[in-house]
Amino acid sequence: MILVIAGTSDSYQIIKALKKQKKNLIAAVTTDYGEKLIKDKFEIRVIKKRLDQNDMYNLIKNEKISLMVDATHPFAKEISKKAIKAAEETGIEYLRFERKEVDLSQYAYNNAKIIKTSNYEQAAKIANDFEKIFLTTGSKNIEIFLKGISNYEKRLFLRVMTFPAFIKNIIELGLPPANIIAAKGPFTKEFNQSLFKEYGADVIITKASGDSGGLKSKIEAAVELGIAVIVIQRPKINYPLFFNEVDNLINYIKVNYKTEV
């Protein structure tokens, strides 16, 4: 049995390819939205839970998992670390799929101002030196920016997914509703430019989430408008076996797991 730890658009491609190979698999997600997306597309069992270390061990044992495919978001470092540990201690194979990074050097023209940072706190500190900040990193770490950016009520604008619970939490933390843009991507370069201009942004903050995460369209939109871009780099994890092409991952599984697992 294969366990696919899902939650990204990449994971849906992987599930589709594994189903085509007639592999037995289970998907694990953390949100109702993620569960619905998979169940709407595929006839497979989906476990919706924020798995802790013991949950990982029990899932591997009870479902007789022999292969784990981690296709979580590049910034979901905690679940990846738990998965690696569980795989090592139970003796099963762990495969990591992570979308390719965008080469930021390609934007070294027209005096493009792209600032790399290693964490959210550093990004907030740098952004505080700008006037109007457009945040596109999601709601999970919003408190860091509310603490790190002075007078944020007039200067910080956040684009976030259209989940009422997320929006409610953000408002309760203190960001005014007028500063919240609730929308579901992907977004075009032109749409991004319209938003950046509408809110008078002179810097945007994003994560190095890859092209499928919309990074290129955000950077291109900002660079053309002369807006600075702060890019939070991916966490560094020593993965046992790593793929960034779905075909390569599937071929590896096809060769090494010839029978249904």
Protein backbone atom coordinates (compact mmCIF):
# COMPACT_ATOMS: atom_id res chain seq x y z
CA MET A 1 0.00 0.00 0.00
CA ILE A 2 1.24 3.47 -0.89
CA LEU A 3 0.57 6.45 1.34
CA VAL A 4 0.48 9.79 -0.47
CA ILE A 5 0.74 12.74 1.89
CA ALA A 6 -1.12 15.24 -0.23
CA GLY A 7 -2.40 18.82 -0.20
CA THR A 8 -0.85 20.39 -3.30
CA SER A 9 -1.77 20.44 -6.99
CA ASP A 10 1.33 18.28 -7.54
CA SER A 11 -0.08 15.59 -5.28
CA TYR A 12 -3.19 15.29 -7.46
CA GLN A 13 -1.00 14.63 -10.50
CA ILE A 14 0.86 11.95 -8.56
CA ILE A 15 -2.35 10.27 -7.39
CA LYS A 16 -3.71 10.31 -10.93
CA ALA A 17 -0.53 8.69 -12.28
CA LEU A 18 -0.45 6.05 -9.54
CA LYS A 19 -4.11 5.20 -10.15
CA LYS A 20 -3.26 4.74 -13.82
CA GLN A 21 -0.56 2.26 -12.74
CA LYS A 22 -3.27 0.49 -10.71
CA LYS A 23 -1.42 0.95 -7.44
CA ASN A 24 -3.22 0.61 -4.12
CA LEU A 25 -3.00 3.89 -2.28
CA ILE A 26 -4.32 6.03 0.53
CA ALA A 27 -4.10 9.82 0.65
CA ALA A 28 -3.63 11.89 3.79
CA VAL A 29 -4.60 15.57 4.01
CA THR A 30 -5.11 18.13 6.78
CA THR A 31 -8.09 20.16 5.56
CA ASP A 32 -11.70 19.63 4.50
CA TYR A 33 -10.86 21.41 1.26
CA GLY A 34 -8.01 19.02 0.48
CA GLU A 35 -10.19 16.03 1.26
CA LYS A 36 -12.98 17.25 -1.00
CA LEU A 37 -10.62 17.95 -3.91
CA ILE A 38 -9.26 14.40 -3.86
CA LYS A 39 -12.61 12.69 -3.33
CA ASP A 40 -14.13 14.70 -6.18
CA LYS A 41 -11.36 13.54 -8.51
CA PHE A 42 -10.49 10.02 -7.40
CA GLU A 43 -12.08 6.93 -5.86
CA ILE A 44 -9.56 6.41 -3.09
CA ARG A 45 -9.61 6.46 0.67
CA VAL A 46 -8.68 9.84 2.18
CA ILE A 47 -7.60 10.37 5.77
CA LYS A 48 -8.20 13.92 7.00
CA LYS A 49 -6.15 14.58 10.08
CA ARG A 50 -3.16 16.63 11.21
CA LEU A 51 -0.94 13.61 11.79
CA ASP A 52 1.40 13.57 14.78
CA GLN A 53 4.32 11.15 15.12
CA ASN A 54 2.26 8.37 16.70
CA ASP A 55 -0.44 8.77 14.05
CA MET A 56 2.25 8.21 11.42
CA TYR A 57 3.46 5.00 13.08
CA ASN A 58 -0.07 3.67 13.54
CA LEU A 59 -1.07 4.48 9.98
CA ILE A 60 1.96 2.67 8.56
CA LYS A 61 1.30 -0.38 10.76
CA ASN A 62 -2.49 -0.59 10.47
CA GLU A 63 -2.66 0.04 6.73
CA LYS A 64 0.44 -2.03 5.93
CA ILE A 65 2.09 0.91 4.21
CA SER A 66 5.26 -0.08 2.32
CA LEU A 67 5.94 3.20 0.50
CA MET A 68 5.39 6.79 1.55
CA VAL A 69 5.21 9.62 -1.01
CA ASP A 70 5.46 13.07 0.56
CA ALA A 71 3.92 15.58 -1.83
CA THR A 72 3.18 18.30 0.72
CA HIS A 73 3.89 22.00 0.23
CA PRO A 74 7.59 23.01 0.15
CA PHE A 75 7.06 24.91 3.42
CA ALA A 76 5.28 22.09 5.28
CA LYS A 77 8.52 21.14 6.99
CA GLU A 78 7.08 19.67 10.20
CA ILE A 79 4.99 16.99 8.48
CA SER A 80 7.94 16.12 6.21
CA LYS A 81 10.24 15.67 9.21
CA LYS A 82 7.67 13.43 10.92
CA ALA A 83 7.20 11.38 7.75
CA ILE A 84 10.96 10.87 7.29
CA LYS A 85 11.34 9.76 10.91
CA ALA A 86 8.37 7.39 10.73
CA ALA A 87 9.63 5.83 7.50
CA GLU A 88 13.14 5.33 8.89
CA GLU A 89 11.93 3.78 12.14
CA THR A 90 9.43 1.43 10.47
CA GLY A 91 11.75 0.41 7.64
CA ILE A 92 9.66 1.61 4.72
CA GLU A 93 10.78 3.80 1.84
CA TYR A 94 10.17 7.53 1.86
CA LEU A 95 10.07 9.50 -1.40
CA ARG A 96 9.88 13.28 -1.48
CA PHE A 97 8.29 15.17 -4.35
CA GLU A 98 8.86 18.90 -4.34
CA ARG A 99 8.10 21.23 -7.22
CA LYS A 100 11.03 22.95 -8.89
CA GLU A 101 12.21 26.27 -7.53
CA VAL A 102 11.99 29.37 -9.68
CA ASP A 103 15.42 30.67 -10.72
CA LEU A 104 15.40 34.20 -9.35
CA SER A 105 18.54 35.16 -11.28
CA GLN A 106 16.45 35.41 -14.45
CA TYR A 107 14.95 38.62 -13.07
CA ALA A 108 18.30 40.38 -12.68
CA TYR A 109 17.37 43.04 -15.20
CA ASN A 110 15.85 46.52 -15.14
CA ASN A 111 17.28 46.92 -11.62
CA ALA A 112 14.78 44.37 -10.32
CA LYS A 113 14.87 44.43 -6.53
CA ILE A 114 14.50 40.87 -5.25
CA ILE A 115 15.44 40.27 -1.63
CA LYS A 116 15.93 36.72 -0.34
CA THR A 117 15.24 35.98 3.31
CA SER A 118 15.55 32.78 5.32
CA ASN A 119 12.46 33.17 7.50
CA TYR A 120 9.26 35.11 8.15
CA GLU A 121 10.70 37.23 10.94
CA GLN A 122 13.47 38.54 8.70
CA ALA A 123 10.95 39.24 5.93
CA ALA A 124 8.80 41.29 8.32
CA LYS A 125 11.81 43.26 9.54
CA ILE A 126 12.87 44.16 5.99
CA ALA A 127 9.31 44.96 4.90
CA ASN A 128 8.91 47.41 7.77
CA ASP A 129 11.29 49.78 5.96
CA PHE A 130 8.84 50.08 3.07
CA GLU A 131 5.61 52.08 2.94
CA LYS A 132 2.86 49.75 1.70
CA ILE A 133 3.31 45.99 2.07
CA PHE A 134 1.36 43.39 0.08
CA LEU A 135 1.58 40.00 1.77
CA THR A 136 0.98 36.81 -0.24
CA THR A 137 2.29 34.13 2.11
CA GLY A 138 -1.09 33.04 3.48
CA SER A 139 -2.59 33.39 6.94
CA LYS A 140 -0.57 30.84 8.92
CA ASN A 141 2.21 33.22 9.98
CA ILE A 142 0.28 36.50 9.92
CA GLU A 143 1.05 37.19 13.61
CA ILE A 144 4.74 37.55 12.79
CA PHE A 145 3.96 40.37 10.38
CA LEU A 146 1.48 42.06 12.70
CA LYS A 147 4.19 42.16 15.36
CA GLY A 148 7.04 43.09 13.03
CA ILE A 149 5.40 45.85 10.98
CA SER A 150 4.60 49.12 12.71
CA ASN A 151 1.26 50.80 12.06
CA TYR A 152 0.22 47.70 10.12
CA GLU A 153 -3.44 48.80 10.10
CA LYS A 154 -2.58 51.37 7.43
CA ARG A 155 0.34 49.65 5.73
CA LEU A 156 -0.17 45.89 5.52
CA PHE A 157 -2.47 44.18 3.02
CA LEU A 158 -2.98 40.43 2.91
CA ARG A 159 -4.22 38.20 0.11
CA VAL A 160 -5.61 34.98 1.51
CA MET A 161 -7.67 31.96 0.46
CA THR A 162 -11.44 32.29 0.68
CA PHE A 163 -11.92 30.24 3.85
CA PRO A 164 -14.19 31.96 6.41
CA ALA A 165 -12.28 30.45 9.35
CA PHE A 166 -8.99 31.90 8.06
CA ILE A 167 -10.49 35.33 7.51
CA LYS A 168 -12.20 35.32 10.92
CA ASN A 169 -8.92 34.47 12.63
CA ILE A 170 -7.03 37.21 10.79
CA ILE A 171 -9.59 39.84 11.80
CA GLU A 172 -9.51 38.65 15.41
CA LEU A 173 -5.74 39.06 15.38
CA GLY A 174 -6.19 42.70 14.48
CA LEU A 175 -5.88 43.16 10.71
CA PRO A 176 -8.77 45.35 9.49
CA PRO A 177 -11.23 43.65 7.08
CA ALA A 178 -10.48 46.36 4.49
CA ASN A 179 -6.87 45.13 4.40
CA ILE A 180 -7.84 41.57 3.50
CA ILE A 181 -8.20 40.40 -0.10
CA ALA A 182 -9.91 37.00 -0.17
CA ALA A 183 -9.37 35.27 -3.49
CA LYS A 184 -8.49 31.87 -4.91
CA GLY A 185 -5.64 31.53 -7.39
CA PRO A 186 -3.97 30.92 -9.68
CA PHE A 187 -3.57 34.61 -10.55
CA THR A 188 -2.30 36.09 -13.80
CA LYS A 189 0.45 38.67 -13.98
CA GLU A 190 -2.12 41.27 -15.04
CA PHE A 191 -4.41 40.51 -12.13
CA ASN A 192 -1.51 40.75 -9.70
CA GLN A 193 -0.49 44.09 -11.18
CA SER A 194 -4.02 45.43 -10.75
CA LEU A 195 -4.03 44.48 -7.08
CA PHE A 196 -0.54 45.82 -6.42
CA LYS A 197 -1.47 49.15 -7.99
CA GLU A 198 -4.87 49.30 -6.28
CA TYR A 199 -3.28 48.96 -2.83
CA GLY A 200 -0.29 51.16 -3.62
CA ALA A 201 2.23 48.43 -2.78
CA ASP A 202 5.91 49.25 -2.94
CA VAL A 203 6.93 45.77 -1.74
CA ILE A 204 5.37 42.33 -1.91
CA ILE A 205 6.24 39.37 0.31
CA THR A 206 6.05 35.86 -1.08
CA LYS A 207 7.45 32.39 -0.53
CA ALA A 208 9.73 30.39 -2.84
CA SER A 209 6.83 28.05 -3.49
CA GLY A 210 7.60 27.36 -7.16
CA ASP A 211 5.86 28.17 -10.40
CA SER A 212 2.75 26.11 -9.61
CA GLY A 213 2.46 28.22 -6.48
CA GLY A 214 2.16 31.36 -8.61
CA LEU A 215 5.60 32.76 -7.82
CA LYS A 216 6.56 33.70 -11.38
CA SER A 217 3.42 35.70 -12.10
CA LYS A 218 3.85 37.62 -8.83
CA ILE A 219 7.49 38.43 -9.45
CA GLU A 220 6.95 39.41 -13.08
CA ALA A 221 4.05 41.66 -12.10
CA ALA A 222 6.08 43.37 -9.38
CA VAL A 223 9.26 43.77 -11.43
CA GLU A 224 7.40 45.43 -14.30
CA LEU A 225 5.88 47.90 -11.84
CA GLY A 226 9.21 48.59 -10.13
CA ILE A 227 8.00 47.02 -6.88
CA ALA A 228 10.45 45.24 -4.57
CA VAL A 229 9.93 41.54 -3.86
CA ILE A 230 10.88 39.79 -0.62
CA VAL A 231 11.16 36.04 -1.21
CA ILE A 232 11.22 33.74 1.81
CA GLN A 233 13.43 30.75 0.97
CA ARG A 234 12.37 27.15 1.45
CA PRO A 235 13.33 25.34 4.64
CA LYS A 236 16.34 23.08 4.18
CA ILE A 237 15.63 19.41 4.86
CA ASN A 238 17.86 16.45 4.09
CA TYR A 239 15.46 14.23 2.13
CA PRO A 240 16.46 10.56 1.67
CA LEU A 241 15.27 10.51 -1.95
CA PHE A 242 14.05 13.56 -3.80
CA PHE A 243 12.17 14.17 -7.08
CA ASN A 244 10.96 17.37 -8.75
CA GLU A 245 9.48 15.79 -11.88
CA VAL A 246 6.30 13.74 -11.54
CA ASP A 247 7.31 11.42 -14.41
CA ASN A 248 10.62 10.59 -12.73
CA LEU A 249 8.89 9.80 -9.46
CA ILE A 250 6.31 7.56 -11.13
CA ASN A 251 8.97 5.75 -13.16
CA TYR A 252 10.95 5.07 -9.99
CA ILE A 253 7.88 3.57 -8.33
CA LYS A 254 7.03 1.60 -11.47
CA VAL A 255 10.50 0.03 -11.59
CA ASN A 256 10.89 -0.64 -7.88
CA TYR A 257 7.33 -1.59 -7.03
CA LYS A 258 6.26 -3.82 -9.89
CA THR A 259 3.35 -5.39 -8.06
CA GLU A 260 0.53 -3.58 -6.31
CA VAL A 261 1.70 -2.24 -2.97
